Amino acid sequence: MADPADAIIGLYRRHGLAWAADRAAGPFPETGWLARFAALLPPGGDVLDIGCGSGAPIAAAVAASGFAVTGIDTSAPLLGLARARLPEATWIEGDMRAMALGRHFDGLVAWDSFFHLAQDDQRAMVARFADHARPGTALIFTSGPAAGEAIGCLRGEPLFHASLDPEEYRALLADAGFEVVAHVAQDATCGGRTVWLARRR
């Protein structure tokens, strides 16, 4: 049987449109965290949405707040929705694990995406965050509440999630030059998500 972590890309290519329809039905509890993230950005700043999916609700909310959006995702069907929804944004088909865009952003978002990576890939990904950040760049992402792996379900297929220990995230972020601004595990106001908000020193 294939490793569920390696199956994520194909899963969202096959079922991305169904996932987007489910997501569009709401609710959207991210509003408060996105406002905290936006407060750390300069007016009109540029934001990279990593694992952007269909561009909603995250990229759409960021754009509505006056920021320039670039999104990267591996699912062509989802990127098609994103381009139709936000034609003024920049959309890139690519794997976040190999992300090397050659530029820096004022904000980085990895919402409900980063946690689909295997643990070692998450460790390596923090350095990629840093590669795309400048001093003052804000970073927001979701993780699991504790070290481990969990398997959910998307349209009848296993959906992989993984997390590191919170202290390891803190250490990795610090080593990459990020200071944690806020962290809430299983935030009841955000659908039980574990959220990290950090800023590049």
N, C-alpha and C. Protein backbone atom coordinates (compact mmCIF):
# COMPACT_ATOMS: atom_id res chain seq x y z
N MET A 1 0.84 -1.19 0.00
CA MET A 1 0.00 0.00 0.00
C MET A 1 0.88 1.25 0.00
N ALA A 2 0.50 2.25 -0.80
CA ALA A 2 1.29 3.48 -0.90
C ALA A 2 1.25 4.24 0.42
N ASP A 3 2.33 4.96 0.69
CA ASP A 3 2.41 5.79 1.88
C ASP A 3 1.37 6.91 1.76
N PRO A 4 0.48 7.06 2.75
CA PRO A 4 -0.55 8.12 2.66
C PRO A 4 0.03 9.52 2.51
N ALA A 5 1.22 9.76 3.06
CA ALA A 5 1.85 11.07 2.92
C ALA A 5 2.21 11.35 1.46
N ASP A 6 2.62 10.31 0.74
CA ASP A 6 2.99 10.48 -0.66
C ASP A 6 1.77 10.57 -1.57
N ALA A 7 0.60 10.22 -1.04
CA ALA A 7 -0.62 10.19 -1.85
C ALA A 7 -1.37 11.52 -1.84
N ILE A 8 -0.93 12.48 -1.03
CA ILE A 8 -1.69 13.72 -0.86
C ILE A 8 -1.89 14.46 -2.17
N ILE A 9 -0.83 14.58 -2.98
CA ILE A 9 -0.94 15.35 -4.21
C ILE A 9 -2.00 14.76 -5.13
N GLY A 10 -1.93 13.47 -5.36
CA GLY A 10 -2.92 12.83 -6.21
C GLY A 10 -4.33 12.93 -5.65
N LEU A 11 -4.43 12.86 -4.34
CA LEU A 11 -5.74 12.93 -3.69
C LEU A 11 -6.43 14.26 -3.98
N TYR A 12 -5.68 15.36 -3.85
CA TYR A 12 -6.28 16.68 -4.09
C TYR A 12 -6.46 16.96 -5.59
N ARG A 13 -5.69 16.30 -6.43
CA ARG A 13 -5.95 16.43 -7.86
C ARG A 13 -7.23 15.70 -8.25
N ARG A 14 -7.47 14.55 -7.62
CA ARG A 14 -8.68 13.78 -7.95
C ARG A 14 -9.93 14.39 -7.33
N HIS A 15 -9.82 14.83 -6.09
CA HIS A 15 -11.00 15.22 -5.33
C HIS A 15 -11.00 16.70 -4.94
N GLY A 16 -10.10 17.48 -5.55
CA GLY A 16 -10.00 18.88 -5.17
C GLY A 16 -11.28 19.67 -5.36
N LEU A 17 -11.98 19.44 -6.46
CA LEU A 17 -13.20 20.20 -6.71
C LEU A 17 -14.28 19.87 -5.69
N ALA A 18 -14.38 18.61 -5.30
CA ALA A 18 -15.34 18.22 -4.27
C ALA A 18 -14.95 18.83 -2.92
N TRP A 19 -13.64 18.82 -2.64
CA TRP A 19 -13.17 19.45 -1.39
C TRP A 19 -13.50 20.93 -1.38
N ALA A 20 -13.29 21.61 -2.52
CA ALA A 20 -13.56 23.04 -2.59
C ALA A 20 -15.04 23.33 -2.37
N ALA A 21 -15.91 22.48 -2.90
CA ALA A 21 -17.34 22.67 -2.69
C ALA A 21 -17.70 22.52 -1.22
N ASP A 22 -17.09 21.54 -0.56
CA ASP A 22 -17.33 21.37 0.88
C ASP A 22 -16.84 22.59 1.66
N ARG A 23 -15.66 23.09 1.28
CA ARG A 23 -15.07 24.23 1.97
C ARG A 23 -15.92 25.47 1.78
N ALA A 24 -16.47 25.64 0.59
CA ALA A 24 -17.27 26.82 0.30
C ALA A 24 -18.56 26.87 1.12
N ALA A 25 -18.98 25.69 1.60
CA ALA A 25 -20.20 25.64 2.39
C ALA A 25 -20.01 26.22 3.79
N GLY A 26 -18.74 26.48 4.16
CA GLY A 26 -18.45 27.07 5.47
C GLY A 26 -18.55 26.04 6.58
N PRO A 27 -18.41 26.48 7.83
CA PRO A 27 -18.21 27.86 8.28
C PRO A 27 -16.78 28.35 8.03
N PHE A 28 -16.53 29.63 8.32
CA PHE A 28 -15.21 30.23 8.10
C PHE A 28 -14.71 30.85 9.41
N PRO A 29 -14.21 30.03 10.31
CA PRO A 29 -13.79 30.55 11.62
C PRO A 29 -12.41 31.19 11.62
N GLU A 30 -11.76 31.27 10.44
CA GLU A 30 -10.39 31.78 10.37
C GLU A 30 -10.29 33.30 10.52
N THR A 31 -11.39 34.00 10.49
CA THR A 31 -11.40 35.45 10.39
C THR A 31 -10.53 36.13 11.43
N GLY A 32 -10.65 35.71 12.67
CA GLY A 32 -9.89 36.35 13.75
C GLY A 32 -8.40 36.19 13.57
N TRP A 33 -7.95 35.00 13.22
CA TRP A 33 -6.52 34.77 13.03
C TRP A 33 -6.00 35.53 11.80
N LEU A 34 -6.79 35.57 10.74
CA LEU A 34 -6.35 36.30 9.56
C LEU A 34 -6.23 37.79 9.85
N ALA A 35 -7.10 38.31 10.71
CA ALA A 35 -6.99 39.72 11.10
C ALA A 35 -5.71 39.97 11.88
N ARG A 36 -5.34 39.05 12.75
CA ARG A 36 -4.09 39.20 13.50
C ARG A 36 -2.88 39.14 12.57
N PHE A 37 -2.96 38.25 11.60
CA PHE A 37 -1.90 38.14 10.59
C PHE A 37 -1.80 39.43 9.78
N ALA A 38 -2.94 39.93 9.31
CA ALA A 38 -2.95 41.14 8.48
C ALA A 38 -2.40 42.34 9.23
N ALA A 39 -2.61 42.37 10.54
CA ALA A 39 -2.14 43.50 11.34
C ALA A 39 -0.62 43.58 11.38
N LEU A 40 0.06 42.49 11.04
CA LEU A 40 1.53 42.47 11.03
C LEU A 40 2.11 42.85 9.67
N LEU A 41 1.24 43.06 8.67
CA LEU A 41 1.69 43.31 7.30
C LEU A 41 1.67 44.80 6.98
N PRO A 42 2.57 45.25 6.10
CA PRO A 42 2.50 46.63 5.64
C PRO A 42 1.32 46.81 4.69
N PRO A 43 0.74 48.00 4.62
CA PRO A 43 -0.37 48.22 3.69
C PRO A 43 0.03 47.84 2.26
N GLY A 44 -0.84 47.07 1.61
CA GLY A 44 -0.57 46.67 0.24
C GLY A 44 0.53 45.65 0.08
N GLY A 45 0.94 45.02 1.16
CA GLY A 45 2.04 44.07 1.11
C GLY A 45 1.71 42.83 0.28
N ASP A 46 2.76 42.04 0.02
CA ASP A 46 2.58 40.84 -0.79
C ASP A 46 2.62 39.60 0.09
N VAL A 47 1.69 38.68 -0.21
CA VAL A 47 1.49 37.49 0.62
C VAL A 47 1.58 36.25 -0.25
N LEU A 48 2.30 35.26 0.23
CA LEU A 48 2.41 33.97 -0.43
C LEU A 48 1.54 32.96 0.31
N ASP A 49 0.56 32.40 -0.39
CA ASP A 49 -0.32 31.38 0.16
C ASP A 49 0.20 30.02 -0.29
N ILE A 50 0.74 29.27 0.65
CA ILE A 50 1.43 28.01 0.37
C ILE A 50 0.47 26.84 0.56
N GLY A 51 0.14 26.16 -0.54
CA GLY A 51 -0.93 25.18 -0.49
C GLY A 51 -2.26 25.90 -0.57
N CYS A 52 -2.39 26.78 -1.56
CA CYS A 52 -3.49 27.74 -1.64
C CYS A 52 -4.82 27.11 -2.00
N GLY A 53 -4.80 25.91 -2.57
CA GLY A 53 -6.05 25.28 -2.97
C GLY A 53 -6.81 26.12 -3.98
N SER A 54 -8.10 26.31 -3.73
CA SER A 54 -8.98 27.02 -4.66
C SER A 54 -8.93 28.53 -4.50
N GLY A 55 -8.11 29.02 -3.58
CA GLY A 55 -8.05 30.45 -3.34
C GLY A 55 -9.11 30.96 -2.38
N ALA A 56 -9.91 30.07 -1.84
CA ALA A 56 -10.95 30.46 -0.88
C ALA A 56 -11.00 29.46 0.27
N PRO A 57 -11.20 29.95 1.46
CA PRO A 57 -11.45 31.35 1.80
C PRO A 57 -10.20 32.19 2.09
N ILE A 58 -9.03 31.55 2.20
CA ILE A 58 -7.86 32.26 2.72
C ILE A 58 -7.36 33.33 1.77
N ALA A 59 -6.94 32.95 0.55
CA ALA A 59 -6.39 33.93 -0.38
C ALA A 59 -7.41 35.02 -0.69
N ALA A 60 -8.67 34.64 -0.82
CA ALA A 60 -9.70 35.63 -1.11
C ALA A 60 -9.81 36.65 0.01
N ALA A 61 -9.73 36.20 1.25
CA ALA A 61 -9.80 37.11 2.39
C ALA A 61 -8.58 38.02 2.43
N VAL A 62 -7.41 37.46 2.14
CA VAL A 62 -6.18 38.25 2.12
C VAL A 62 -6.26 39.33 1.04
N ALA A 63 -6.71 38.95 -0.15
CA ALA A 63 -6.83 39.91 -1.25
C ALA A 63 -7.86 40.99 -0.92
N ALA A 64 -8.96 40.60 -0.28
CA ALA A 64 -10.00 41.57 0.07
C ALA A 64 -9.51 42.59 1.08
N SER A 65 -8.45 42.24 1.81
CA SER A 65 -7.86 43.17 2.77
C SER A 65 -6.82 44.09 2.13
N GLY A 66 -6.66 43.99 0.82
CA GLY A 66 -5.80 44.91 0.10
C GLY A 66 -4.39 44.44 -0.15
N PHE A 67 -4.13 43.15 0.04
CA PHE A 67 -2.80 42.62 -0.16
C PHE A 67 -2.68 41.90 -1.50
N ALA A 68 -1.49 41.92 -2.07
CA ALA A 68 -1.23 41.21 -3.32
C ALA A 68 -0.95 39.75 -3.02
N VAL A 69 -1.59 38.85 -3.73
CA VAL A 69 -1.54 37.42 -3.42
C VAL A 69 -0.79 36.65 -4.50
N THR A 70 0.11 35.78 -4.06
CA THR A 70 0.69 34.73 -4.89
C THR A 70 0.34 33.41 -4.23
N GLY A 71 -0.15 32.46 -4.99
CA GLY A 71 -0.50 31.16 -4.42
C GLY A 71 0.24 30.05 -5.13
N ILE A 72 0.59 29.01 -4.37
CA ILE A 72 1.24 27.84 -4.95
C ILE A 72 0.51 26.59 -4.47
N ASP A 73 0.26 25.66 -5.40
CA ASP A 73 -0.44 24.43 -5.06
C ASP A 73 -0.12 23.40 -6.14
N THR A 74 -0.30 22.13 -5.81
CA THR A 74 -0.03 21.06 -6.77
C THR A 74 -1.25 20.63 -7.56
N SER A 75 -2.43 21.11 -7.17
CA SER A 75 -3.67 20.65 -7.80
C SER A 75 -4.11 21.60 -8.90
N ALA A 76 -3.97 21.17 -10.15
CA ALA A 76 -4.40 22.00 -11.28
C ALA A 76 -5.89 22.32 -11.23
N PRO A 77 -6.77 21.37 -10.87
CA PRO A 77 -8.19 21.72 -10.79
C PRO A 77 -8.46 22.83 -9.77
N LEU A 78 -7.81 22.77 -8.62
CA LEU A 78 -8.02 23.81 -7.62
C LEU A 78 -7.43 25.14 -8.08
N LEU A 79 -6.29 25.12 -8.73
CA LEU A 79 -5.71 26.36 -9.24
C LEU A 79 -6.60 26.98 -10.32
N GLY A 80 -7.30 26.16 -11.08
CA GLY A 80 -8.24 26.69 -12.05
C GLY A 80 -9.34 27.50 -11.37
N LEU A 81 -9.84 26.99 -10.25
CA LEU A 81 -10.83 27.75 -9.48
C LEU A 81 -10.22 29.04 -8.94
N ALA A 82 -8.99 28.95 -8.45
CA ALA A 82 -8.33 30.13 -7.89
C ALA A 82 -8.15 31.21 -8.95
N ARG A 83 -7.73 30.82 -10.14
CA ARG A 83 -7.53 31.80 -11.21
C ARG A 83 -8.86 32.47 -11.61
N ALA A 84 -9.92 31.69 -11.63
CA ALA A 84 -11.22 32.26 -11.97
C ALA A 84 -11.71 33.19 -10.88
N ARG A 85 -11.43 32.84 -9.64
CA ARG A 85 -11.90 33.63 -8.50
C ARG A 85 -11.10 34.92 -8.33
N LEU A 86 -9.79 34.83 -8.50
CA LEU A 86 -8.90 35.98 -8.28
C LEU A 86 -7.93 36.10 -9.46
N PRO A 87 -8.41 36.58 -10.60
CA PRO A 87 -7.55 36.64 -11.79
C PRO A 87 -6.39 37.61 -11.64
N GLU A 88 -6.49 38.56 -10.71
CA GLU A 88 -5.41 39.53 -10.52
C GLU A 88 -4.25 38.96 -9.71
N ALA A 89 -4.45 37.83 -9.06
CA ALA A 89 -3.40 37.20 -8.27
C ALA A 89 -2.48 36.37 -9.18
N THR A 90 -1.36 35.93 -8.62
CA THR A 90 -0.41 35.07 -9.33
C THR A 90 -0.55 33.65 -8.78
N TRP A 91 -0.76 32.70 -9.67
CA TRP A 91 -0.98 31.31 -9.26
C TRP A 91 0.08 30.41 -9.89
N ILE A 92 0.69 29.57 -9.07
CA ILE A 92 1.81 28.74 -9.49
C ILE A 92 1.49 27.28 -9.18
N GLU A 93 1.62 26.41 -10.17
CA GLU A 93 1.47 24.97 -9.92
C GLU A 93 2.84 24.43 -9.50
N GLY A 94 2.93 23.94 -8.28
CA GLY A 94 4.20 23.44 -7.79
C GLY A 94 4.05 22.83 -6.41
N ASP A 95 5.05 22.07 -6.03
CA ASP A 95 5.12 21.37 -4.74
C ASP A 95 5.82 22.27 -3.74
N MET A 96 5.17 22.55 -2.63
CA MET A 96 5.78 23.43 -1.61
C MET A 96 7.12 22.89 -1.14
N ARG A 97 7.31 21.59 -1.17
CA ARG A 97 8.56 21.00 -0.68
C ARG A 97 9.75 21.37 -1.55
N ALA A 98 9.48 21.80 -2.79
CA ALA A 98 10.55 22.21 -3.71
C ALA A 98 10.46 23.71 -4.01
N MET A 99 9.71 24.42 -3.21
CA MET A 99 9.45 25.83 -3.47
C MET A 99 10.72 26.67 -3.42
N ALA A 100 10.99 27.37 -4.52
CA ALA A 100 12.15 28.25 -4.61
C ALA A 100 11.80 29.35 -5.60
N LEU A 101 11.06 30.34 -5.14
CA LEU A 101 10.49 31.36 -6.03
C LEU A 101 11.44 32.52 -6.28
N GLY A 102 12.54 32.58 -5.56
CA GLY A 102 13.53 33.61 -5.81
C GLY A 102 13.09 35.00 -5.41
N ARG A 103 12.16 35.10 -4.47
CA ARG A 103 11.74 36.42 -3.99
C ARG A 103 11.24 36.31 -2.56
N HIS A 104 11.10 37.46 -1.93
CA HIS A 104 10.65 37.52 -0.54
C HIS A 104 9.26 38.14 -0.48
N PHE A 105 8.52 37.79 0.56
CA PHE A 105 7.16 38.26 0.74
C PHE A 105 7.02 38.91 2.12
N ASP A 106 5.98 39.74 2.23
CA ASP A 106 5.69 40.36 3.53
C ASP A 106 4.92 39.41 4.44
N GLY A 107 4.22 38.45 3.84
CA GLY A 107 3.46 37.49 4.62
C GLY A 107 3.48 36.12 3.98
N LEU A 108 3.49 35.09 4.81
CA LEU A 108 3.46 33.69 4.36
C LEU A 108 2.32 32.99 5.09
N VAL A 109 1.51 32.27 4.33
CA VAL A 109 0.38 31.52 4.89
C VAL A 109 0.51 30.06 4.48
N ALA A 110 0.38 29.16 5.44
CA ALA A 110 0.31 27.73 5.13
C ALA A 110 -0.83 27.14 5.97
N TRP A 111 -2.04 27.47 5.55
CA TRP A 111 -3.24 27.17 6.33
C TRP A 111 -3.86 25.86 5.85
N ASP A 112 -3.95 24.90 6.75
CA ASP A 112 -4.51 23.58 6.43
C ASP A 112 -3.79 22.93 5.25
N SER A 113 -2.49 23.16 5.14
CA SER A 113 -1.72 22.58 4.03
C SER A 113 -0.41 21.97 4.53
N PHE A 114 0.34 22.75 5.27
CA PHE A 114 1.64 22.32 5.81
C PHE A 114 1.51 21.03 6.62
N PHE A 115 0.38 20.85 7.29
CA PHE A 115 0.22 19.67 8.15
C PHE A 115 -0.03 18.38 7.37
N HIS A 116 -0.12 18.48 6.04
CA HIS A 116 -0.21 17.26 5.23
C HIS A 116 1.18 16.69 4.91
N LEU A 117 2.23 17.40 5.25
CA LEU A 117 3.58 16.92 4.98
C LEU A 117 4.04 15.94 6.07
N ALA A 118 4.88 14.99 5.66
CA ALA A 118 5.51 14.11 6.63
C ALA A 118 6.40 14.94 7.57
N GLN A 119 6.71 14.38 8.71
CA GLN A 119 7.45 15.14 9.72
C GLN A 119 8.78 15.67 9.21
N ASP A 120 9.56 14.85 8.53
CA ASP A 120 10.84 15.33 8.03
C ASP A 120 10.66 16.43 6.99
N ASP A 121 9.61 16.34 6.18
CA ASP A 121 9.34 17.39 5.20
C ASP A 121 8.93 18.68 5.89
N GLN A 122 8.23 18.57 7.00
CA GLN A 122 7.88 19.77 7.75
C GLN A 122 9.14 20.44 8.31
N ARG A 123 10.04 19.64 8.81
CA ARG A 123 11.29 20.21 9.34
C ARG A 123 12.03 20.99 8.25
N ALA A 124 12.10 20.40 7.06
CA ALA A 124 12.80 21.06 5.96
C ALA A 124 12.03 22.28 5.47
N MET A 125 10.71 22.25 5.59
CA MET A 125 9.88 23.32 5.07
C MET A 125 10.10 24.63 5.81
N VAL A 126 10.43 24.56 7.08
CA VAL A 126 10.63 25.79 7.85
C VAL A 126 11.75 26.63 7.23
N ALA A 127 12.78 25.98 6.72
CA ALA A 127 13.86 26.71 6.05
C ALA A 127 13.36 27.35 4.76
N ARG A 128 12.41 26.70 4.08
CA ARG A 128 11.84 27.31 2.87
C ARG A 128 10.99 28.53 3.22
N PHE A 129 10.31 28.48 4.35
CA PHE A 129 9.63 29.69 4.81
C PHE A 129 10.64 30.84 4.92
N ALA A 130 11.76 30.55 5.57
CA ALA A 130 12.78 31.59 5.78
C ALA A 130 13.35 32.11 4.46
N ASP A 131 13.49 31.21 3.48
CA ASP A 131 14.03 31.61 2.18
C ASP A 131 13.14 32.62 1.47
N HIS A 132 11.86 32.65 1.83
CA HIS A 132 10.91 33.53 1.16
C HIS A 132 10.46 34.68 2.06
N ALA A 133 11.19 34.88 3.15
CA ALA A 133 10.85 35.93 4.11
C ALA A 133 11.92 37.00 4.14
N ARG A 134 11.49 38.19 4.48
CA ARG A 134 12.39 39.31 4.74
C ARG A 134 12.22 39.70 6.20
N PRO A 135 13.09 40.54 6.74
CA PRO A 135 12.87 40.99 8.13
C PRO A 135 11.47 41.59 8.29
N GLY A 136 10.75 41.12 9.28
CA GLY A 136 9.40 41.58 9.53
C GLY A 136 8.31 40.75 8.90
N THR A 137 8.67 39.80 8.03
CA THR A 137 7.66 38.96 7.39
C THR A 137 6.85 38.20 8.43
N ALA A 138 5.53 38.20 8.26
CA ALA A 138 4.63 37.45 9.13
C ALA A 138 4.39 36.06 8.53
N LEU A 139 4.30 35.07 9.39
CA LEU A 139 4.06 33.68 8.99
C LEU A 139 2.92 33.13 9.84
N ILE A 140 1.92 32.55 9.18
CA ILE A 140 0.85 31.88 9.91
C ILE A 140 0.65 30.49 9.30
N PHE A 141 0.53 29.49 10.16
CA PHE A 141 0.29 28.12 9.68
C PHE A 141 -0.47 27.33 10.73
N THR A 142 -1.05 26.24 10.29
CA THR A 142 -1.74 25.32 11.19
C THR A 142 -0.94 24.02 11.28
N SER A 143 -1.01 23.40 12.44
CA SER A 143 -0.32 22.13 12.69
C SER A 143 -1.24 21.25 13.52
N GLY A 144 -0.73 20.11 13.92
CA GLY A 144 -1.42 19.32 14.92
C GLY A 144 -1.06 19.82 16.31
N PRO A 145 -1.77 19.37 17.34
CA PRO A 145 -1.49 19.85 18.69
C PRO A 145 -0.30 19.17 19.36
N ALA A 146 0.12 18.03 18.84
CA ALA A 146 1.22 17.27 19.45
C ALA A 146 1.87 16.42 18.38
N ALA A 147 3.07 15.92 18.68
CA ALA A 147 3.79 15.10 17.72
C ALA A 147 3.01 13.83 17.40
N GLY A 148 2.97 13.49 16.12
CA GLY A 148 2.29 12.27 15.72
C GLY A 148 1.72 12.37 14.33
N GLU A 149 1.01 11.34 13.93
CA GLU A 149 0.36 11.28 12.63
C GLU A 149 -1.11 10.93 12.83
N ALA A 150 -1.94 11.39 11.90
CA ALA A 150 -3.37 11.08 11.95
C ALA A 150 -3.85 10.90 10.52
N ILE A 151 -4.79 10.01 10.34
CA ILE A 151 -5.35 9.74 9.03
C ILE A 151 -6.84 10.11 9.04
N GLY A 152 -7.19 11.09 8.23
CA GLY A 152 -8.58 11.44 8.03
C GLY A 152 -9.11 10.77 6.78
N CYS A 153 -10.12 11.37 6.16
CA CYS A 153 -10.74 10.77 4.98
C CYS A 153 -11.20 11.88 4.05
N LEU A 154 -10.91 11.74 2.77
CA LEU A 154 -11.41 12.65 1.75
C LEU A 154 -11.99 11.80 0.63
N ARG A 155 -13.30 11.88 0.50
CA ARG A 155 -14.02 11.12 -0.53
C ARG A 155 -13.64 9.63 -0.51
N GLY A 156 -13.59 9.08 0.69
CA GLY A 156 -13.36 7.66 0.85
C GLY A 156 -11.92 7.21 0.79
N GLU A 157 -10.98 8.16 0.67
CA GLU A 157 -9.57 7.81 0.62
C GLU A 157 -8.85 8.37 1.84
N PRO A 158 -7.78 7.71 2.29
CA PRO A 158 -7.07 8.17 3.48
C PRO A 158 -6.39 9.52 3.25
N LEU A 159 -6.55 10.42 4.22
CA LEU A 159 -6.03 11.78 4.14
C LEU A 159 -5.03 11.97 5.28
N PHE A 160 -3.76 12.09 4.91
CA PHE A 160 -2.66 12.10 5.87
C PHE A 160 -2.47 13.48 6.52
N HIS A 161 -2.20 13.46 7.82
CA HIS A 161 -1.79 14.64 8.57
C HIS A 161 -0.64 14.24 9.49
N ALA A 162 0.25 15.18 9.76
CA ALA A 162 1.33 14.93 10.72
C ALA A 162 1.63 16.21 11.48
N SER A 163 2.27 16.03 12.61
CA SER A 163 2.66 17.19 13.41
C SER A 163 3.94 16.87 14.16
N LEU A 164 4.69 17.91 14.44
CA LEU A 164 5.83 17.82 15.34
C LEU A 164 5.38 18.25 16.73
N ASP A 165 6.24 18.06 17.70
CA ASP A 165 5.98 18.56 19.04
C ASP A 165 6.02 20.08 19.03
N PRO A 166 5.17 20.76 19.78
CA PRO A 166 5.20 22.23 19.80
C PRO A 166 6.57 22.81 20.10
N GLU A 167 7.31 22.19 21.00
CA GLU A 167 8.64 22.73 21.32
C GLU A 167 9.59 22.59 20.15
N GLU A 168 9.40 21.54 19.34
CA GLU A 168 10.25 21.43 18.15
C GLU A 168 9.90 22.50 17.14
N TYR A 169 8.60 22.78 16.96
CA TYR A 169 8.24 23.90 16.07
C TYR A 169 8.89 25.19 16.55
N ARG A 170 8.82 25.44 17.84
CA ARG A 170 9.42 26.68 18.37
C ARG A 170 10.92 26.73 18.09
N ALA A 171 11.59 25.61 18.26
CA ALA A 171 13.03 25.57 18.02
C ALA A 171 13.35 25.76 16.54
N LEU A 172 12.60 25.09 15.67
CA LEU A 172 12.83 25.23 14.23
C LEU A 172 12.58 26.67 13.78
N LEU A 173 11.51 27.26 14.27
CA LEU A 173 11.21 28.65 13.91
C LEU A 173 12.31 29.59 14.40
N ALA A 174 12.75 29.38 15.63
CA ALA A 174 13.81 30.24 16.17
C ALA A 174 15.10 30.10 15.36
N ASP A 175 15.45 28.87 14.99
CA ASP A 175 16.66 28.64 14.19
C ASP A 175 16.56 29.31 12.82
N ALA A 176 15.32 29.42 12.30
CA ALA A 176 15.11 30.04 10.99
C ALA A 176 14.91 31.56 11.09
N GLY A 177 15.00 32.09 12.31
CA GLY A 177 14.91 33.53 12.48
C GLY A 177 13.51 34.06 12.74
N PHE A 178 12.58 33.17 13.10
CA PHE A 178 11.21 33.60 13.39
C PHE A 178 10.96 33.63 14.89
N GLU A 179 10.24 34.63 15.32
CA GLU A 179 9.78 34.75 16.71
C GLU A 179 8.30 34.43 16.76
N VAL A 180 7.88 33.54 17.65
CA VAL A 180 6.47 33.20 17.77
C VAL A 180 5.73 34.36 18.42
N VAL A 181 4.70 34.83 17.74
CA VAL A 181 3.87 35.92 18.25
C VAL A 181 2.68 35.36 19.02
N ALA A 182 2.10 34.28 18.51
CA ALA A 182 0.96 33.65 19.17
C ALA A 182 0.87 32.20 18.74
N HIS A 183 0.37 31.39 19.66
CA HIS A 183 0.19 29.96 19.39
C HIS A 183 -0.96 29.47 20.26
N VAL A 184 -1.96 28.88 19.64
CA VAL A 184 -3.09 28.31 20.38
C VAL A 184 -3.32 26.90 19.88
N ALA A 185 -3.28 25.94 20.77
CA ALA A 185 -3.55 24.55 20.42
C ALA A 185 -5.05 24.29 20.46
N GLN A 186 -5.56 23.67 19.42
CA GLN A 186 -6.96 23.27 19.32
C GLN A 186 -7.89 24.43 19.69
N ASP A 187 -7.70 25.53 18.99
CA ASP A 187 -8.45 26.74 19.26
C ASP A 187 -9.95 26.53 19.00
N ALA A 188 -10.73 26.61 20.05
CA ALA A 188 -12.17 26.37 19.93
C ALA A 188 -12.86 27.42 19.07
N THR A 189 -12.26 28.59 18.96
CA THR A 189 -12.86 29.65 18.13
C THR A 189 -12.49 29.50 16.66
N CYS A 190 -11.64 28.52 16.34
CA CYS A 190 -11.17 28.34 14.96
C CYS A 190 -11.33 26.89 14.52
N GLY A 191 -12.44 26.31 14.87
CA GLY A 191 -12.72 24.94 14.43
C GLY A 191 -11.80 23.90 15.02
N GLY A 192 -11.17 24.21 16.17
CA GLY A 192 -10.27 23.26 16.81
C GLY A 192 -8.89 23.21 16.21
N ARG A 193 -8.58 24.14 15.31
CA ARG A 193 -7.25 24.15 14.69
C ARG A 193 -6.18 24.58 15.69
N THR A 194 -4.98 24.07 15.47
CA THR A 194 -3.81 24.54 16.20
C THR A 194 -3.09 25.53 15.30
N VAL A 195 -2.97 26.76 15.76
CA VAL A 195 -2.51 27.86 14.92
C VAL A 195 -1.22 28.46 15.48
N TRP A 196 -0.33 28.78 14.56
CA TRP A 196 0.93 29.46 14.88
C TRP A 196 0.99 30.76 14.11
N LEU A 197 1.35 31.84 14.79
CA LEU A 197 1.60 33.12 14.16
C LEU A 197 3.00 33.56 14.59
N ALA A 198 3.85 33.84 13.62
CA ALA A 198 5.24 34.19 13.91
C ALA A 198 5.67 35.35 13.02
N ARG A 199 6.82 35.92 13.37
CA ARG A 199 7.35 37.04 12.58
C ARG A 199 8.86 36.90 12.45
N ARG A 200 9.38 37.17 11.25
CA ARG A 200 10.81 37.07 11.02
C ARG A 200 11.53 38.24 11.67
N ARG A 201 12.56 37.92 12.41
CA ARG A 201 13.34 38.97 13.10
C ARG A 201 14.15 39.77 12.11
